[in-house]
Amino acid sequence: MSTGAKIALAVLAVVVIAAGIYMIDIDQTAEGNLPEYDAEVGSVDVTSEEQTVTLPDVDVTTEETTVTVPDVTVTPPSE
């Protein structure tokens, strides 16, 4: 995983935790064996728009080659 992907994942985790802490207000309305709760939640609006960005043009070539790889044989114990 690249450094940029790790940073993006960390930022996403922080946003989810922040949303859980600041966007939800839960109040217990009754006590007992099965208490009732009222929850007031915030809202999130997700929109999209087109943007022009500069991307690198990468050409990847592959070639077939022979390499030695390990071969693992598992023999379970006899009963």
N, C-alpha and C. Protein backbone atom coordinates (compact mmCIF):
# COMPACT_ATOMS: atom_id res chain seq x y z
N MET A 1 0.85 -1.17 0.00
CA MET A 1 0.00 0.00 0.00
C MET A 1 0.90 1.23 0.00
N SER A 2 0.61 2.16 -0.85
CA SER A 2 1.45 3.35 -0.97
C SER A 2 1.19 4.31 0.18
N THR A 3 2.11 5.24 0.36
CA THR A 3 2.00 6.22 1.44
C THR A 3 0.75 7.07 1.27
N GLY A 4 0.44 7.45 0.04
CA GLY A 4 -0.76 8.25 -0.20
C GLY A 4 -2.03 7.51 0.17
N ALA A 5 -2.07 6.22 -0.12
CA ALA A 5 -3.24 5.42 0.24
C ALA A 5 -3.36 5.28 1.75
N LYS A 6 -2.24 5.13 2.44
CA LYS A 6 -2.26 5.04 3.91
C LYS A 6 -2.77 6.34 4.51
N ILE A 7 -2.31 7.45 3.98
CA ILE A 7 -2.75 8.75 4.49
C ILE A 7 -4.24 8.94 4.24
N ALA A 8 -4.71 8.57 3.04
CA ALA A 8 -6.13 8.70 2.72
C ALA A 8 -6.96 7.82 3.64
N LEU A 9 -6.50 6.62 3.93
CA LEU A 9 -7.22 5.72 4.83
C LEU A 9 -7.27 6.27 6.25
N ALA A 10 -6.17 6.87 6.70
CA ALA A 10 -6.13 7.47 8.03
C ALA A 10 -7.08 8.67 8.11
N VAL A 11 -7.11 9.49 7.08
CA VAL A 11 -8.01 10.65 7.05
C VAL A 11 -9.47 10.18 7.06
N LEU A 12 -9.76 9.14 6.29
CA LEU A 12 -11.12 8.59 6.27
C LEU A 12 -11.52 8.07 7.65
N ALA A 13 -10.61 7.41 8.34
CA ALA A 13 -10.90 6.91 9.68
C ALA A 13 -11.19 8.06 10.64
N VAL A 14 -10.42 9.12 10.55
CA VAL A 14 -10.63 10.29 11.41
C VAL A 14 -11.99 10.93 11.12
N VAL A 15 -12.37 11.02 9.86
CA VAL A 15 -13.66 11.60 9.49
C VAL A 15 -14.80 10.75 10.03
N VAL A 16 -14.69 9.44 9.92
CA VAL A 16 -15.75 8.55 10.42
C VAL A 16 -15.87 8.67 11.94
N ILE A 17 -14.75 8.71 12.63
CA ILE A 17 -14.79 8.85 14.09
C ILE A 17 -15.38 10.20 14.48
N ALA A 18 -14.97 11.25 13.78
CA ALA A 18 -15.50 12.59 14.08
C ALA A 18 -17.00 12.65 13.83
N ALA A 19 -17.46 12.01 12.76
CA ALA A 19 -18.90 11.98 12.49
C ALA A 19 -19.63 11.25 13.59
N GLY A 20 -19.06 10.17 14.08
CA GLY A 20 -19.69 9.43 15.16
C GLY A 20 -19.76 10.21 16.45
N ILE A 21 -18.77 11.06 16.70
CA ILE A 21 -18.74 11.83 17.94
C ILE A 21 -19.59 13.09 17.85
N TYR A 22 -19.48 13.84 16.76
CA TYR A 22 -20.10 15.15 16.69
C TYR A 22 -21.44 15.19 15.97
N MET A 23 -21.77 14.19 15.18
CA MET A 23 -22.99 14.26 14.38
C MET A 23 -24.15 13.47 15.00
N ILE A 24 -23.91 12.73 16.08
CA ILE A 24 -24.98 11.94 16.68
C ILE A 24 -25.13 12.32 18.14
N ASP A 25 -26.34 12.65 18.53
CA ASP A 25 -26.66 12.99 19.92
C ASP A 25 -27.69 11.99 20.40
N ILE A 26 -27.31 11.11 21.33
CA ILE A 26 -28.21 10.08 21.83
C ILE A 26 -28.55 10.39 23.27
N ASP A 27 -29.85 10.43 23.57
CA ASP A 27 -30.33 10.67 24.93
C ASP A 27 -31.17 9.49 25.37
N GLN A 28 -30.89 9.00 26.60
CA GLN A 28 -31.70 7.93 27.16
C GLN A 28 -32.99 8.54 27.70
N THR A 29 -34.13 8.00 27.25
CA THR A 29 -35.41 8.59 27.64
C THR A 29 -36.10 7.80 28.74
N ALA A 30 -35.76 6.57 28.95
CA ALA A 30 -36.38 5.77 30.00
C ALA A 30 -35.38 4.74 30.49
N GLU A 31 -35.42 4.47 31.81
CA GLU A 31 -34.54 3.47 32.37
C GLU A 31 -35.33 2.20 32.65
N GLY A 32 -34.66 1.09 32.69
CA GLY A 32 -35.33 -0.18 32.95
C GLY A 32 -34.62 -1.29 32.23
N ASN A 33 -35.29 -2.39 32.06
CA ASN A 33 -34.67 -3.53 31.39
C ASN A 33 -34.35 -3.22 29.93
N LEU A 34 -35.27 -2.59 29.23
CA LEU A 34 -35.05 -2.21 27.83
C LEU A 34 -35.27 -0.71 27.70
N PRO A 35 -34.24 0.09 27.99
CA PRO A 35 -34.42 1.56 27.91
C PRO A 35 -34.65 2.02 26.48
N GLU A 36 -35.34 3.14 26.36
CA GLU A 36 -35.58 3.74 25.05
C GLU A 36 -34.60 4.88 24.84
N TYR A 37 -34.23 5.11 23.59
CA TYR A 37 -33.29 6.17 23.26
C TYR A 37 -33.85 7.03 22.14
N ASP A 38 -33.59 8.31 22.21
CA ASP A 38 -33.87 9.24 21.12
C ASP A 38 -32.53 9.65 20.54
N ALA A 39 -32.42 9.60 19.25
CA ALA A 39 -31.16 9.99 18.60
C ALA A 39 -31.44 11.10 17.60
N GLU A 40 -30.69 12.19 17.73
CA GLU A 40 -30.75 13.28 16.77
C GLU A 40 -29.45 13.22 15.97
N VAL A 41 -29.57 13.05 14.68
CA VAL A 41 -28.37 12.90 13.85
C VAL A 41 -28.25 14.07 12.89
N GLY A 42 -27.03 14.38 12.55
CA GLY A 42 -26.77 15.43 11.57
C GLY A 42 -26.99 14.90 10.17
N SER A 43 -26.72 15.71 9.19
CA SER A 43 -26.90 15.27 7.81
C SER A 43 -25.62 15.53 7.02
N VAL A 44 -25.43 14.74 6.00
CA VAL A 44 -24.28 14.88 5.13
C VAL A 44 -24.79 14.94 3.70
N ASP A 45 -24.40 15.96 2.97
CA ASP A 45 -24.77 16.09 1.57
C ASP A 45 -23.54 15.79 0.72
N VAL A 46 -23.70 14.87 -0.21
CA VAL A 46 -22.60 14.50 -1.10
C VAL A 46 -23.02 14.89 -2.52
N THR A 47 -22.19 15.71 -3.15
CA THR A 47 -22.45 16.13 -4.51
C THR A 47 -21.22 15.81 -5.36
N SER A 48 -21.37 15.96 -6.65
CA SER A 48 -20.23 15.74 -7.53
C SER A 48 -20.20 16.85 -8.57
N GLU A 49 -19.02 17.14 -9.03
CA GLU A 49 -18.85 18.12 -10.08
C GLU A 49 -17.65 17.70 -10.91
N GLU A 50 -17.63 18.09 -12.16
CA GLU A 50 -16.53 17.75 -13.03
C GLU A 50 -15.41 18.76 -12.88
N GLN A 51 -14.19 18.26 -12.75
CA GLN A 51 -13.01 19.10 -12.66
C GLN A 51 -11.99 18.59 -13.68
N THR A 52 -11.18 19.48 -14.19
CA THR A 52 -10.11 19.10 -15.09
C THR A 52 -8.83 19.02 -14.29
N VAL A 53 -8.20 17.84 -14.34
CA VAL A 53 -6.95 17.64 -13.61
C VAL A 53 -5.90 17.10 -14.56
N THR A 54 -4.64 17.31 -14.21
CA THR A 54 -3.54 16.81 -15.01
C THR A 54 -3.11 15.46 -14.46
N LEU A 55 -3.11 14.45 -15.32
CA LEU A 55 -2.72 13.11 -14.93
C LEU A 55 -1.52 12.67 -15.75
N PRO A 56 -0.64 11.87 -15.15
CA PRO A 56 0.49 11.38 -15.94
C PRO A 56 0.04 10.29 -16.90
N ASP A 57 0.69 10.23 -18.06
CA ASP A 57 0.43 9.18 -19.04
C ASP A 57 1.50 8.12 -18.84
N VAL A 58 1.09 6.97 -18.31
CA VAL A 58 2.03 5.91 -17.97
C VAL A 58 1.77 4.72 -18.87
N ASP A 59 2.81 4.26 -19.54
CA ASP A 59 2.73 3.06 -20.36
C ASP A 59 3.49 1.95 -19.65
N VAL A 60 2.81 0.83 -19.42
CA VAL A 60 3.40 -0.31 -18.72
C VAL A 60 3.55 -1.46 -19.71
N THR A 61 4.74 -2.00 -19.78
CA THR A 61 4.96 -3.17 -20.63
C THR A 61 5.30 -4.35 -19.73
N THR A 62 4.91 -5.53 -20.15
CA THR A 62 5.22 -6.73 -19.39
C THR A 62 5.93 -7.72 -20.29
N GLU A 63 6.70 -8.57 -19.67
CA GLU A 63 7.36 -9.63 -20.40
C GLU A 63 7.30 -10.89 -19.54
N GLU A 64 7.29 -12.01 -20.19
CA GLU A 64 7.20 -13.27 -19.49
C GLU A 64 8.61 -13.79 -19.21
N THR A 65 8.83 -14.21 -17.96
CA THR A 65 10.13 -14.74 -17.58
C THR A 65 9.92 -15.91 -16.63
N THR A 66 10.92 -16.74 -16.47
CA THR A 66 10.83 -17.90 -15.59
C THR A 66 11.59 -17.61 -14.30
N VAL A 67 10.90 -17.83 -13.17
CA VAL A 67 11.52 -17.63 -11.86
C VAL A 67 11.28 -18.88 -11.03
N THR A 68 12.12 -19.09 -10.03
CA THR A 68 11.97 -20.23 -9.13
C THR A 68 11.13 -19.79 -7.94
N VAL A 69 10.07 -20.53 -7.67
CA VAL A 69 9.19 -20.21 -6.55
C VAL A 69 9.17 -21.40 -5.60
N PRO A 70 8.92 -21.19 -4.33
CA PRO A 70 8.90 -22.31 -3.39
C PRO A 70 7.68 -23.20 -3.62
N ASP A 71 7.87 -24.48 -3.35
CA ASP A 71 6.79 -25.45 -3.45
C ASP A 71 6.59 -26.03 -2.05
N VAL A 72 5.41 -25.88 -1.50
CA VAL A 72 5.13 -26.34 -0.14
C VAL A 72 4.18 -27.52 -0.20
N THR A 73 4.58 -28.60 0.44
CA THR A 73 3.73 -29.80 0.53
C THR A 73 3.41 -30.02 1.99
N VAL A 74 2.12 -30.11 2.31
CA VAL A 74 1.68 -30.33 3.69
C VAL A 74 1.11 -31.73 3.79
N THR A 75 1.65 -32.51 4.72
CA THR A 75 1.17 -33.86 4.96
C THR A 75 0.64 -33.90 6.40
N PRO A 76 -0.70 -34.05 6.55
CA PRO A 76 -1.25 -34.09 7.91
C PRO A 76 -0.85 -35.39 8.60
N PRO A 77 -0.78 -35.36 9.92
CA PRO A 77 -0.42 -36.59 10.65
C PRO A 77 -1.48 -37.66 10.47
N SER A 78 -1.03 -38.90 10.42
CA SER A 78 -1.99 -40.00 10.28
C SER A 78 -2.62 -40.27 11.63
N GLU A 79 -3.86 -40.73 11.61
CA GLU A 79 -4.57 -40.96 12.86
C GLU A 79 -4.38 -42.37 13.34
